[in-house]
Amino acid sequence: MDTTTLFVGLIFGSLGMGYIVYGRRQRNPIALVSGIALCGMPYLLTNLLFLILASILFIVLPFVVKI
């Protein structure tokens, strides 16, 4: 892993933590799952492009899918 990938993982992991807190307090399962995915994704994806694309998908997901 290079420094850029670590920094991007830190940013998206922080956003994921915010989504987890929001999802738990508002009882929103889509936001909760998106937050868990955002926190765990930097450990699974090492390619920077795939990491950014997948993270953007999970950031937008709670706004698109309404339950």
N, C-alpha and C. Protein backbone atom coordinates (compact mmCIF):
# COMPACT_ATOMS: atom_id res chain seq x y z
N MET A 1 0.83 -1.18 0.00
CA MET A 1 0.00 0.00 0.00
C MET A 1 0.88 1.25 0.00
N ASP A 2 0.46 2.20 -0.77
CA ASP A 2 1.19 3.46 -0.78
C ASP A 2 0.45 4.49 0.09
N THR A 3 1.04 5.64 0.22
CA THR A 3 0.50 6.68 1.10
C THR A 3 -0.85 7.18 0.62
N THR A 4 -1.04 7.30 -0.67
CA THR A 4 -2.30 7.80 -1.20
C THR A 4 -3.45 6.86 -0.86
N THR A 5 -3.23 5.57 -1.01
CA THR A 5 -4.27 4.59 -0.70
C THR A 5 -4.61 4.62 0.78
N LEU A 6 -3.60 4.76 1.63
CA LEU A 6 -3.86 4.84 3.06
C LEU A 6 -4.66 6.08 3.43
N PHE A 7 -4.32 7.22 2.82
CA PHE A 7 -5.03 8.45 3.12
C PHE A 7 -6.47 8.40 2.62
N VAL A 8 -6.68 7.87 1.43
CA VAL A 8 -8.05 7.73 0.90
C VAL A 8 -8.85 6.77 1.77
N GLY A 9 -8.22 5.70 2.23
CA GLY A 9 -8.89 4.76 3.13
C GLY A 9 -9.26 5.41 4.45
N LEU A 10 -8.41 6.30 4.94
CA LEU A 10 -8.70 7.03 6.17
C LEU A 10 -9.90 7.95 6.00
N ILE A 11 -9.94 8.65 4.87
CA ILE A 11 -11.06 9.57 4.60
C ILE A 11 -12.38 8.80 4.50
N PHE A 12 -12.40 7.74 3.70
CA PHE A 12 -13.64 6.99 3.51
C PHE A 12 -14.02 6.21 4.77
N GLY A 13 -13.04 5.77 5.55
CA GLY A 13 -13.34 5.12 6.82
C GLY A 13 -13.97 6.08 7.81
N SER A 14 -13.51 7.32 7.80
CA SER A 14 -14.11 8.34 8.67
C SER A 14 -15.55 8.64 8.26
N LEU A 15 -15.79 8.74 6.97
CA LEU A 15 -17.17 8.91 6.49
C LEU A 15 -18.03 7.71 6.88
N GLY A 16 -17.46 6.52 6.79
CA GLY A 16 -18.17 5.31 7.18
C GLY A 16 -18.55 5.31 8.65
N MET A 17 -17.65 5.82 9.49
CA MET A 17 -17.96 5.91 10.91
C MET A 17 -19.13 6.85 11.16
N GLY A 18 -19.16 7.95 10.42
CA GLY A 18 -20.30 8.87 10.52
C GLY A 18 -21.59 8.23 10.06
N TYR A 19 -21.53 7.43 9.00
CA TYR A 19 -22.72 6.73 8.52
C TYR A 19 -23.19 5.70 9.54
N ILE A 20 -22.26 5.05 10.23
CA ILE A 20 -22.65 4.06 11.24
C ILE A 20 -23.37 4.74 12.39
N VAL A 21 -22.85 5.85 12.85
CA VAL A 21 -23.50 6.59 13.95
C VAL A 21 -24.88 7.07 13.52
N TYR A 22 -24.96 7.63 12.31
CA TYR A 22 -26.25 8.10 11.80
C TYR A 22 -27.23 6.95 11.64
N GLY A 23 -26.78 5.83 11.09
CA GLY A 23 -27.66 4.69 10.86
C GLY A 23 -28.18 4.08 12.15
N ARG A 24 -27.35 4.06 13.18
CA ARG A 24 -27.81 3.52 14.46
C ARG A 24 -28.80 4.44 15.13
N ARG A 25 -28.53 5.75 15.11
CA ARG A 25 -29.43 6.69 15.81
C ARG A 25 -30.76 6.86 15.10
N GLN A 26 -30.76 6.83 13.78
CA GLN A 26 -31.98 7.03 13.02
C GLN A 26 -32.68 5.72 12.65
N ARG A 27 -32.10 4.61 13.05
CA ARG A 27 -32.63 3.28 12.71
C ARG A 27 -32.76 3.11 11.20
N ASN A 28 -31.71 3.50 10.50
CA ASN A 28 -31.67 3.42 9.04
C ASN A 28 -30.70 2.30 8.65
N PRO A 29 -31.20 1.12 8.25
CA PRO A 29 -30.30 0.00 7.98
C PRO A 29 -29.42 0.21 6.75
N ILE A 30 -29.89 0.96 5.76
CA ILE A 30 -29.07 1.20 4.56
C ILE A 30 -27.85 2.04 4.92
N ALA A 31 -28.03 3.07 5.72
CA ALA A 31 -26.90 3.89 6.14
C ALA A 31 -25.94 3.10 7.02
N LEU A 32 -26.47 2.24 7.86
CA LEU A 32 -25.63 1.42 8.73
C LEU A 32 -24.78 0.45 7.93
N VAL A 33 -25.38 -0.23 6.98
CA VAL A 33 -24.64 -1.17 6.13
C VAL A 33 -23.62 -0.43 5.27
N SER A 34 -23.99 0.72 4.76
CA SER A 34 -23.05 1.52 3.97
C SER A 34 -21.87 1.95 4.81
N GLY A 35 -22.11 2.33 6.06
CA GLY A 35 -21.03 2.72 6.94
C GLY A 35 -20.09 1.57 7.26
N ILE A 36 -20.65 0.40 7.49
CA ILE A 36 -19.81 -0.77 7.75
C ILE A 36 -18.98 -1.11 6.51
N ALA A 37 -19.60 -1.02 5.34
CA ALA A 37 -18.87 -1.29 4.10
C ALA A 37 -17.76 -0.26 3.88
N LEU A 38 -18.04 1.01 4.16
CA LEU A 38 -17.03 2.04 3.98
C LEU A 38 -15.86 1.86 4.94
N CYS A 39 -16.13 1.38 6.14
CA CYS A 39 -15.04 1.15 7.10
C CYS A 39 -14.20 -0.07 6.73
N GLY A 40 -14.82 -1.07 6.16
CA GLY A 40 -14.10 -2.30 5.86
C GLY A 40 -13.49 -2.37 4.47
N MET A 41 -13.95 -1.52 3.59
CA MET A 41 -13.49 -1.59 2.20
C MET A 41 -12.00 -1.32 2.00
N PRO A 42 -11.39 -0.38 2.72
CA PRO A 42 -9.95 -0.16 2.51
C PRO A 42 -9.09 -1.38 2.83
N TYR A 43 -9.60 -2.29 3.66
CA TYR A 43 -8.85 -3.50 3.96
C TYR A 43 -8.96 -4.52 2.84
N LEU A 44 -10.03 -4.46 2.07
CA LEU A 44 -10.26 -5.46 1.02
C LEU A 44 -9.78 -5.01 -0.35
N LEU A 45 -9.91 -3.74 -0.66
CA LEU A 45 -9.54 -3.23 -1.98
C LEU A 45 -8.22 -2.46 -1.88
N THR A 46 -7.22 -2.90 -2.63
CA THR A 46 -5.93 -2.21 -2.61
C THR A 46 -5.73 -1.33 -3.84
N ASN A 47 -6.53 -1.53 -4.87
CA ASN A 47 -6.44 -0.69 -6.05
C ASN A 47 -7.15 0.63 -5.77
N LEU A 48 -6.46 1.73 -5.98
CA LEU A 48 -6.99 3.05 -5.63
C LEU A 48 -8.24 3.39 -6.42
N LEU A 49 -8.27 3.10 -7.69
CA LEU A 49 -9.43 3.42 -8.53
C LEU A 49 -10.67 2.66 -8.07
N PHE A 50 -10.53 1.36 -7.83
CA PHE A 50 -11.67 0.56 -7.38
C PHE A 50 -12.13 0.99 -5.99
N LEU A 51 -11.19 1.38 -5.14
CA LEU A 51 -11.54 1.84 -3.81
C LEU A 51 -12.37 3.12 -3.87
N ILE A 52 -11.96 4.05 -4.70
CA ILE A 52 -12.69 5.31 -4.82
C ILE A 52 -14.07 5.09 -5.43
N LEU A 53 -14.16 4.29 -6.49
CA LEU A 53 -15.45 4.04 -7.15
C LEU A 53 -16.43 3.31 -6.23
N ALA A 54 -15.95 2.29 -5.54
CA ALA A 54 -16.83 1.54 -4.64
C ALA A 54 -17.25 2.39 -3.45
N SER A 55 -16.35 3.23 -2.96
CA SER A 55 -16.69 4.09 -1.83
C SER A 55 -17.73 5.13 -2.23
N ILE A 56 -17.58 5.70 -3.40
CA ILE A 56 -18.58 6.67 -3.87
C ILE A 56 -19.95 5.99 -4.01
N LEU A 57 -19.95 4.75 -4.47
CA LEU A 57 -21.20 4.00 -4.59
C LEU A 57 -21.87 3.86 -3.23
N PHE A 58 -21.10 3.51 -2.20
CA PHE A 58 -21.68 3.33 -0.87
C PHE A 58 -22.01 4.65 -0.19
N ILE A 59 -21.36 5.73 -0.58
CA ILE A 59 -21.71 7.05 -0.04
C ILE A 59 -23.05 7.51 -0.59
N VAL A 60 -23.31 7.24 -1.85
CA VAL A 60 -24.54 7.69 -2.52
C VAL A 60 -25.72 6.75 -2.22
N LEU A 61 -25.44 5.52 -1.89
CA LEU A 61 -26.49 4.50 -1.70
C LEU A 61 -27.60 4.91 -0.73
N PRO A 62 -27.32 5.46 0.46
CA PRO A 62 -28.43 5.82 1.34
C PRO A 62 -29.33 6.93 0.81
N PHE A 63 -28.83 7.75 -0.10
CA PHE A 63 -29.65 8.81 -0.67
C PHE A 63 -30.54 8.29 -1.80
N VAL A 64 -30.14 7.19 -2.43
CA VAL A 64 -30.88 6.64 -3.56
C VAL A 64 -31.91 5.62 -3.09
N VAL A 65 -31.52 4.74 -2.17
CA VAL A 65 -32.39 3.69 -1.69
C VAL A 65 -33.09 4.18 -0.43
N LYS A 66 -34.40 4.21 -0.46
CA LYS A 66 -35.20 4.62 0.69
C LYS A 66 -36.01 3.44 1.19
N ILE A 67 -35.98 3.23 2.49
CA ILE A 67 -36.78 2.14 3.08
C ILE A 67 -37.81 2.75 4.01
